[in-house]
């Protein structure tokens, strides 16, 4: 009998779509047009996008615990996650690579954006494609391809640090799961401590124009958000029992810390007053987890309430977009970093700018569904044939 198909969690889909939207919107506002005309808005929205980032890590943690529980053993868990991550990423890599080569017929500069350009026109290393189609962590990829280290060839669109980080976190999920169930408080405190140590070491190395070995383990900075997702799943019965108290406590922490930041942030730039505030709340600032961890719980709880209270066609359609959220962010990264950033939006009218952004959004959505239709049968076939239960 094949492994049982895990049922989708509606409220988690709601959070995932919301997280995707915050990230996509923040990337749009990094375009040159907005940077030169609305810089304060750009800086603020760029930081808001990090809300989506820590939500995604929390979602990944919740799903990791869920998947681990429904797996026969650790190796089945690893195989499942390998299939769920690598097949979509590899499919997107190949399809987008071919697409940019085809666009090169009309505009040669676009062909150069494809990793396959190095093979087709430059006689590049063929093995580099095999190395590049795996979603490595961006920092590890640099380590593997750096001339100072292993010097392995690598061609890619953009450094997908997020997906690579999730791969690392999935690898340590079984360890975190055992530690979490054995001693919650020690595991939580240790996780935050390790996150801070790696953050400060990385920051110090970069400020001194160097990169230490610990830089290649930067994924540990995001472990607290991942762990809170695991906690919400593993201790869901306890959380449900004391939900009222936990909600009030979380609101108190979020409000207290937010007021503190707004009132006592000393590095506020008069020209861009909002940016440092959002930076401390939502970015990788050492204290941001004070805000992010209870905020994740509150948003998860709100999404669960929303799906119970207003379940219907509109919410179902909204949640259905979660099926392409992973793919949409991959594609949007490519479009934003390789196309939209170099496009001269200043030549367009305001209507032209918004029309262009609308067309880009529609392109992302349609392309995401098309690529999903390609990889989904392959993914399901692999699940069916490589995750067999006796």
Protein backbone atom coordinates (compact mmCIF):
# COMPACT_ATOMS: atom_id res chain seq x y z
CA UNK A 1 0.00 0.00 0.00
CA UNK A 2 1.34 3.43 -0.88
CA UNK A 3 1.93 6.17 1.63
CA UNK A 4 -1.24 7.94 2.64
CA UNK A 5 -1.80 11.30 1.05
CA UNK A 6 -1.66 14.04 3.62
CA UNK A 7 -4.72 16.27 3.74
CA UNK A 8 -4.13 19.95 3.05
CA UNK A 9 -4.59 22.29 6.01
CA UNK A 10 -6.88 25.12 4.83
CA UNK A 11 -5.76 27.75 7.33
CA UNK A 12 -2.11 26.99 6.59
CA UNK A 13 -2.83 27.60 2.89
CA UNK A 14 -4.25 31.00 3.86
CA UNK A 15 -1.06 31.92 5.70
CA UNK A 16 1.07 30.66 2.82
CA UNK A 17 -0.73 32.80 0.23
CA UNK A 18 -0.54 35.85 2.52
CA UNK A 19 3.19 35.26 3.04
CA UNK A 20 3.72 34.93 -0.72
CA UNK A 21 1.91 38.21 -1.36
CA UNK A 22 4.03 40.14 1.15
CA UNK A 23 7.22 38.84 -0.47
CA UNK A 24 6.06 39.49 -4.04
CA UNK A 25 4.87 43.01 -3.20
CA UNK A 26 8.14 43.80 -1.42
CA UNK A 27 10.12 42.65 -4.46
CA UNK A 28 8.02 44.78 -6.80
CA UNK A 29 8.80 47.86 -4.75
CA UNK A 30 12.51 47.21 -5.20
CA UNK A 31 12.21 48.15 -8.88
CA UNK A 32 14.15 51.19 -10.06
CA UNK A 33 10.98 53.20 -10.73
CA UNK A 34 9.82 52.98 -7.13
CA UNK A 35 13.33 53.27 -5.71
CA UNK A 36 13.84 56.70 -7.23
CA UNK A 37 10.31 58.02 -6.72
CA UNK A 38 9.06 56.47 -3.48
CA UNK A 39 12.15 55.53 -1.52
CA UNK A 40 10.56 55.71 1.93
CA UNK A 41 7.77 53.41 0.79
CA UNK A 42 10.31 51.10 -0.85
CA UNK A 43 12.43 50.72 2.28
CA UNK A 44 9.39 50.06 4.45
CA UNK A 45 7.75 47.55 2.11
CA UNK A 46 11.06 45.78 1.53
CA UNK A 47 11.15 45.07 5.26
CA UNK A 48 7.49 44.05 5.35
CA UNK A 49 8.42 41.32 2.88
CA UNK A 50 10.45 39.75 5.65
CA UNK A 51 7.18 39.09 7.49
CA UNK A 52 6.42 36.67 4.69
CA UNK A 53 9.88 35.15 5.01
CA UNK A 54 9.60 34.21 8.68
CA UNK A 55 6.02 33.04 8.10
CA UNK A 56 7.28 30.68 5.41
CA UNK A 57 9.89 29.24 7.73
CA UNK A 58 7.20 28.71 10.37
CA UNK A 59 4.95 27.03 7.79
CA UNK A 60 7.87 24.81 6.76
CA UNK A 61 8.43 23.85 10.41
CA UNK A 62 4.76 22.95 10.88
CA UNK A 63 4.70 20.87 7.69
CA UNK A 64 8.01 19.22 8.58
CA UNK A 65 6.60 17.95 11.89
CA UNK A 66 3.40 16.88 10.18
CA UNK A 67 5.32 15.00 7.49
CA UNK A 68 7.64 13.40 10.03
CA UNK A 69 4.66 12.13 12.02
CA UNK A 70 3.09 10.56 8.92
CA UNK A 71 6.34 9.00 7.70
CA UNK A 72 7.19 5.41 8.47
CA UNK A 73 10.76 6.38 9.38
CA UNK A 74 13.27 9.20 9.00
CA UNK A 75 14.44 8.01 5.58
CA UNK A 76 10.90 8.10 4.23
CA UNK A 77 10.62 11.65 5.56
CA UNK A 78 13.82 12.64 3.75
CA UNK A 79 12.69 11.00 0.50
CA UNK A 80 9.34 12.77 0.67
CA UNK A 81 10.91 16.19 1.21
CA UNK A 82 13.52 15.56 -1.48
CA UNK A 83 10.77 14.82 -3.99
CA UNK A 84 8.62 17.78 -2.90
CA UNK A 85 11.47 20.30 -3.21
CA UNK A 86 13.84 19.10 -5.92
CA UNK A 87 11.30 18.15 -8.60
CA UNK A 88 9.50 21.54 -8.67
CA UNK A 89 12.79 23.45 -8.45
CA UNK A 90 14.46 21.41 -11.20
CA UNK A 91 11.39 21.67 -13.44
CA UNK A 92 11.27 25.45 -13.03
CA UNK A 93 15.02 25.68 -13.66
CA UNK A 94 14.79 23.74 -16.93
CA UNK A 95 11.59 25.38 -18.22
CA UNK A 96 12.72 28.93 -17.44
CA UNK A 97 16.18 28.20 -18.84
CA UNK A 98 14.70 27.08 -22.15
CA UNK A 99 12.23 29.99 -22.12
CA UNK A 100 14.98 32.59 -21.83
CA UNK A 101 16.95 30.92 -24.63
CA UNK A 102 13.85 31.18 -26.84
CA UNK A 103 13.38 34.83 -25.89
CA UNK A 104 16.96 35.34 -27.04
CA UNK A 105 15.71 34.98 -30.61
CA UNK A 106 13.94 38.32 -30.18
CA UNK A 107 16.35 39.93 -27.71
CA UNK A 108 19.87 38.38 -27.50
CA UNK A 109 20.57 39.90 -24.08
CA UNK A 110 17.75 37.81 -22.55
CA UNK A 111 19.36 34.57 -23.72
CA UNK A 112 22.39 35.43 -21.60
CA UNK A 113 20.18 35.28 -18.51
CA UNK A 114 19.66 31.54 -19.02
CA UNK A 115 22.07 29.10 -17.34
CA UNK A 116 21.97 27.09 -20.58
CA UNK A 117 23.56 30.01 -22.41
CA UNK A 118 26.96 29.00 -21.01
CA UNK A 119 26.55 25.53 -22.48
CA UNK A 120 25.09 26.53 -25.84
CA UNK A 121 27.30 29.50 -26.64
CA UNK A 122 30.30 29.45 -24.34
CA UNK A 123 31.22 25.77 -24.20
CA UNK A 124 30.65 25.69 -20.45
CA UNK A 125 31.01 22.73 -18.15
CA UNK A 126 28.16 20.29 -18.85
CA UNK A 127 28.35 18.79 -15.35
CA UNK A 128 27.62 22.23 -13.92
CA UNK A 129 23.98 21.84 -14.95
CA UNK A 130 23.66 18.73 -12.78
CA UNK A 131 25.19 20.67 -9.89
CA UNK A 132 23.00 23.73 -10.47
CA UNK A 133 19.57 22.13 -10.71
CA UNK A 134 19.64 21.13 -7.03
CA UNK A 135 18.34 23.84 -4.64
CA UNK A 136 21.56 24.39 -2.72
CA UNK A 137 21.74 27.00 -0.01
CA UNK A 138 23.13 30.19 -1.56
CA UNK A 139 26.01 30.45 0.89
CA UNK A 140 26.88 26.76 0.52
CA UNK A 141 26.68 27.14 -3.28
CA UNK A 142 29.22 29.95 -3.10
CA UNK A 143 31.43 27.79 -0.93
CA UNK A 144 31.24 24.85 -3.36
CA UNK A 145 31.83 27.00 -6.45
CA UNK A 146 34.40 29.40 -4.97
CA UNK A 147 37.93 29.17 -6.46
CA UNK A 148 39.30 29.42 -2.92
CA UNK A 149 37.45 26.25 -1.91
CA UNK A 150 36.07 23.41 -4.07
CA UNK A 151 35.77 25.43 -7.31
CA UNK A 152 32.80 23.39 -8.57
CA UNK A 153 31.15 25.04 -11.61
CA UNK A 154 27.65 26.40 -11.11
CA UNK A 155 25.13 28.18 -13.32
CA UNK A 156 21.90 29.48 -11.82
CA UNK A 157 19.33 32.22 -12.22
CA UNK A 158 19.37 33.77 -8.78
CA UNK A 159 20.68 32.56 -5.45
CA UNK A 160 17.68 30.83 -3.91
CA UNK A 161 18.83 31.15 -0.34
CA UNK A 162 15.33 30.55 1.04
CA UNK A 163 14.83 27.13 -0.54
CA UNK A 164 18.36 26.07 0.28
CA UNK A 165 17.82 27.13 3.88
CA UNK A 166 14.63 25.06 4.08
CA UNK A 167 16.58 22.05 2.77
CA UNK A 168 19.08 22.44 5.62
CA UNK A 169 16.29 22.81 8.17
CA UNK A 170 14.52 19.70 6.88
CA UNK A 171 17.78 17.79 7.32
CA UNK A 172 17.90 18.63 11.03
CA UNK A 173 14.13 18.25 11.59
CA UNK A 174 14.34 14.73 13.13
CA UNK A 175 16.95 16.00 15.63
CA UNK A 176 14.89 19.09 16.49
CA UNK A 177 11.78 16.94 16.85
CA UNK A 178 13.43 14.61 19.40
CA UNK A 179 14.95 17.48 21.36
CA UNK A 180 11.67 19.39 21.34
CA UNK A 181 9.72 16.46 22.74
CA UNK A 182 12.41 15.71 25.33
CA UNK A 183 12.83 19.23 26.73
CA UNK A 184 10.90 22.12 25.24
CA UNK A 185 12.51 25.00 27.16
CA UNK A 186 16.12 23.89 26.72
CA UNK A 187 15.56 23.31 23.00
CA UNK A 188 13.88 26.71 22.53
CA UNK A 189 16.54 28.65 24.45
CA UNK A 190 19.39 26.79 22.74
CA UNK A 191 17.88 27.41 19.30
CA UNK A 192 17.60 31.15 19.90
CA UNK A 193 21.13 31.28 21.36
CA UNK A 194 22.61 29.48 18.35
CA UNK A 195 20.67 31.78 16.02
CA UNK A 196 22.12 34.87 17.72
CA UNK A 197 25.68 33.48 17.77
CA UNK A 198 25.59 32.73 14.04
CA UNK A 199 24.01 36.11 13.29
CA UNK A 200 26.61 38.11 15.24
CA UNK A 201 29.49 36.06 13.84
CA UNK A 202 28.26 36.51 10.28
CA UNK A 203 27.68 40.23 10.76
CA UNK A 204 31.14 40.67 12.27
CA UNK A 205 32.83 38.71 9.46
CA UNK A 206 31.02 40.69 6.76
CA UNK A 207 31.85 44.01 8.41
CA UNK A 208 35.49 42.96 8.33
CA UNK A 209 35.26 41.87 4.68
CA UNK A 210 35.68 38.20 5.44
CA UNK A 211 33.70 35.00 5.50
CA UNK A 212 34.24 32.44 8.22
CA UNK A 213 33.21 28.80 8.19
CA UNK A 214 30.13 29.64 10.22
CA UNK A 215 28.86 31.74 7.29
CA UNK A 216 28.07 28.53 5.45
CA UNK A 217 25.66 27.63 8.26
CA UNK A 218 23.72 30.89 8.12
CA UNK A 219 20.51 28.81 7.91
CA UNK A 220 20.73 28.45 11.69
CA UNK A 221 19.72 32.12 12.00
CA UNK A 222 16.23 31.15 10.82
CA UNK A 223 15.85 28.14 13.12
CA UNK A 224 13.67 29.92 15.75
CA UNK A 225 10.91 30.64 13.18
CA UNK A 226 11.13 27.07 11.89
CA UNK A 227 10.98 25.73 15.45
CA UNK A 228 7.88 27.75 16.36
CA UNK A 229 6.08 26.06 13.47
CA UNK A 230 7.17 22.69 14.85
CA UNK A 231 6.03 23.69 18.34
CA UNK A 232 2.56 24.67 17.09
CA UNK A 233 2.17 21.21 15.55
CA UNK A 234 3.84 19.05 18.22
CA UNK A 235 2.12 20.77 21.15
CA UNK A 236 -1.16 21.52 19.36
CA UNK A 237 -3.28 19.85 22.08
CA UNK A 238 -1.65 21.90 24.84
CA UNK A 239 -1.92 25.08 22.74
CA UNK A 240 -5.59 24.41 22.05
CA UNK A 241 -6.27 23.88 25.76
CA UNK A 242 -4.63 27.17 26.78
CA UNK A 243 -5.40 29.11 23.60
CA UNK A 244 -7.06 32.06 25.33
CA UNK A 245 -4.12 32.63 27.67
CA UNK A 246 -1.54 32.18 24.89
CA UNK A 247 -3.34 34.64 22.60
CA UNK A 248 -3.46 37.32 25.30
CA UNK A 249 0.17 36.72 26.23
CA UNK A 250 1.27 36.90 22.57
CA UNK A 251 -0.67 40.11 21.97
CA UNK A 252 0.92 41.63 25.06
CA UNK A 253 4.45 40.78 23.83
CA UNK A 254 3.81 42.03 20.28
CA UNK A 255 2.28 45.32 21.47
CA UNK A 256 4.87 45.94 24.17
CA UNK A 257 7.81 45.31 21.87
CA UNK A 258 6.27 47.33 19.02
CA UNK A 259 5.63 50.32 21.30
CA UNK A 260 9.16 50.06 22.63
CA UNK A 261 10.61 50.10 19.10
CA UNK A 262 8.45 53.02 17.99
CA UNK A 263 9.24 55.03 21.12
CA UNK A 264 12.91 54.26 21.69
CA UNK A 265 14.45 53.40 18.32
CA UNK A 266 17.55 55.57 18.43
CA UNK A 267 18.81 55.13 14.87
CA UNK A 268 15.76 56.60 13.13
CA UNK A 269 16.79 58.45 9.97
CA UNK A 270 14.69 61.66 9.68
CA UNK A 271 14.55 61.15 5.91
CA UNK A 272 13.28 57.56 6.19
CA UNK A 273 11.69 57.34 9.66
CA UNK A 274 9.77 54.09 9.16
CA UNK A 275 12.60 51.94 7.84
CA UNK A 276 14.55 51.33 11.07
CA UNK A 277 11.33 50.46 12.89
CA UNK A 278 10.34 47.76 10.41
CA UNK A 279 13.95 46.64 10.28
CA UNK A 280 13.95 45.91 14.00
CA UNK A 281 10.51 44.33 13.89
CA UNK A 282 10.71 42.15 10.82
CA UNK A 283 14.26 41.75 9.56
CA UNK A 284 17.25 39.77 10.86
CA UNK A 285 17.85 42.16 13.70
CA UNK A 286 18.89 40.11 16.77
CA UNK A 287 15.80 41.10 18.72
CA UNK A 288 13.29 40.61 15.91
CA UNK A 289 12.35 37.13 17.14
CA UNK A 290 10.73 38.81 20.18
CA UNK A 291 8.17 40.15 17.72
CA UNK A 292 8.16 37.43 15.08
CA UNK A 293 7.56 34.34 17.23
CA UNK A 294 4.36 35.50 19.00
CA UNK A 295 3.25 37.23 15.79
CA UNK A 296 3.51 33.91 13.91
CA UNK A 297 1.32 32.23 16.51
CA UNK A 298 -1.27 35.03 16.36
CA UNK A 299 -1.43 34.95 12.57
CA UNK A 300 -1.73 31.16 12.54
CA UNK A 301 -4.57 31.40 15.06
CA UNK A 302 -6.30 34.16 13.11
CA UNK A 303 -6.06 32.17 9.85
CA UNK A 304 -7.55 29.12 11.57
CA UNK A 305 -10.44 31.22 12.93
CA UNK A 306 -10.96 32.84 9.52
CA UNK A 307 -11.32 29.49 7.78
CA UNK A 308 -13.80 28.24 10.37
CA UNK A 309 -15.86 31.43 10.31
CA UNK A 310 -15.87 32.33 6.61
CA UNK A 311 -15.29 29.08 4.74
CA UNK A 312 -16.69 29.57 1.24
CA UNK A 313 -15.91 29.90 -2.45
CA UNK A 314 -13.87 33.12 -2.16
CA UNK A 315 -11.63 31.82 0.62
CA UNK A 316 -11.26 28.47 -1.15
CA UNK A 317 -10.13 30.24 -4.33
CA UNK A 318 -7.70 32.31 -2.29
CA UNK A 319 -6.33 29.20 -0.56
CA UNK A 320 -6.00 27.36 -3.87
CA UNK A 321 -3.26 29.81 -4.85
CA UNK A 322 -1.08 28.17 -2.19
CA UNK A 323 -0.52 25.33 -4.66
CA UNK A 324 1.60 27.66 -6.78
CA UNK A 325 3.07 29.85 -4.03
CA UNK A 326 6.40 28.02 -4.06
CA UNK A 327 6.61 28.14 -7.86
CA UNK A 328 5.39 31.74 -8.07
CA UNK A 329 8.22 32.96 -5.83
CA UNK A 330 10.80 31.08 -7.90
CA UNK A 331 9.50 32.63 -11.10
CA UNK A 332 9.11 36.07 -9.57
CA UNK A 333 12.71 36.03 -8.40
CA UNK A 334 13.81 35.40 -11.98
CA UNK A 335 11.56 38.10 -13.44
CA UNK A 336 12.39 40.72 -10.84
CA UNK A 337 16.14 40.16 -10.71
CA UNK A 338 16.82 39.40 -14.37
CA UNK A 339 14.20 41.36 -16.26
CA UNK A 340 12.18 43.94 -14.35
CA UNK A 341 15.16 45.47 -12.55
CA UNK A 342 16.82 46.31 -15.86
CA UNK A 343 13.62 47.58 -17.47
CA UNK A 344 13.39 51.38 -17.71
CA UNK A 345 10.10 52.07 -15.94
CA UNK A 346 10.83 55.80 -15.90
CA UNK A 347 9.83 56.00 -19.56
CA UNK A 348 6.34 54.82 -18.69
CA UNK A 349 3.42 56.82 -17.32
CA UNK A 350 1.98 55.92 -13.95
CA UNK A 351 -0.73 53.98 -15.74
CA UNK A 352 1.96 52.25 -17.80
CA UNK A 353 3.88 51.26 -14.68
CA UNK A 354 0.87 49.69 -13.00
CA UNK A 355 -0.17 48.02 -16.26
CA UNK A 356 3.33 46.54 -16.58
CA UNK A 357 3.22 45.27 -12.97
CA UNK A 358 -0.21 43.75 -13.63
CA UNK A 359 1.11 41.98 -16.73
CA UNK A 360 4.12 40.70 -14.78
CA UNK A 361 1.82 39.39 -12.03
CA UNK A 362 -0.42 37.63 -14.54
CA UNK A 363 2.66 36.16 -16.21
CA UNK A 364 3.88 34.83 -12.86
CA UNK A 365 0.50 33.25 -12.03
CA UNK A 366 -0.08 31.69 -15.46
CA UNK A 367 3.50 30.42 -15.76
CA UNK A 368 3.34 28.99 -12.24
CA UNK A 369 0.25 26.96 -13.07
CA UNK A 370 1.78 25.78 -16.36
CA UNK A 371 4.98 24.60 -14.69
CA UNK A 372 2.96 23.00 -11.90
CA UNK A 373 1.06 21.00 -14.50
CA UNK A 374 4.39 19.72 -15.78
CA UNK A 375 6.01 18.68 -12.51
CA UNK A 376 2.95 17.55 -10.52
CA UNK A 377 2.46 14.21 -12.35
CA UNK A 378 6.19 13.50 -11.98
CA UNK A 379 6.06 14.38 -8.29
CA UNK A 380 3.00 12.19 -7.66
CA UNK A 381 4.56 9.29 -9.57
CA UNK A 382 7.69 9.52 -7.42
CA UNK A 383 5.60 9.69 -4.23
CA UNK A 384 3.66 6.62 -5.31
CA UNK A 385 6.68 4.54 -6.32
CA UNK A 386 9.37 5.64 -3.86
CA UNK A 387 7.30 5.98 -0.70
CA UNK A 388 5.83 2.50 -0.43
CA UNK A 389 4.69 1.10 2.88
CA UNK A 390 4.77 -2.58 3.64
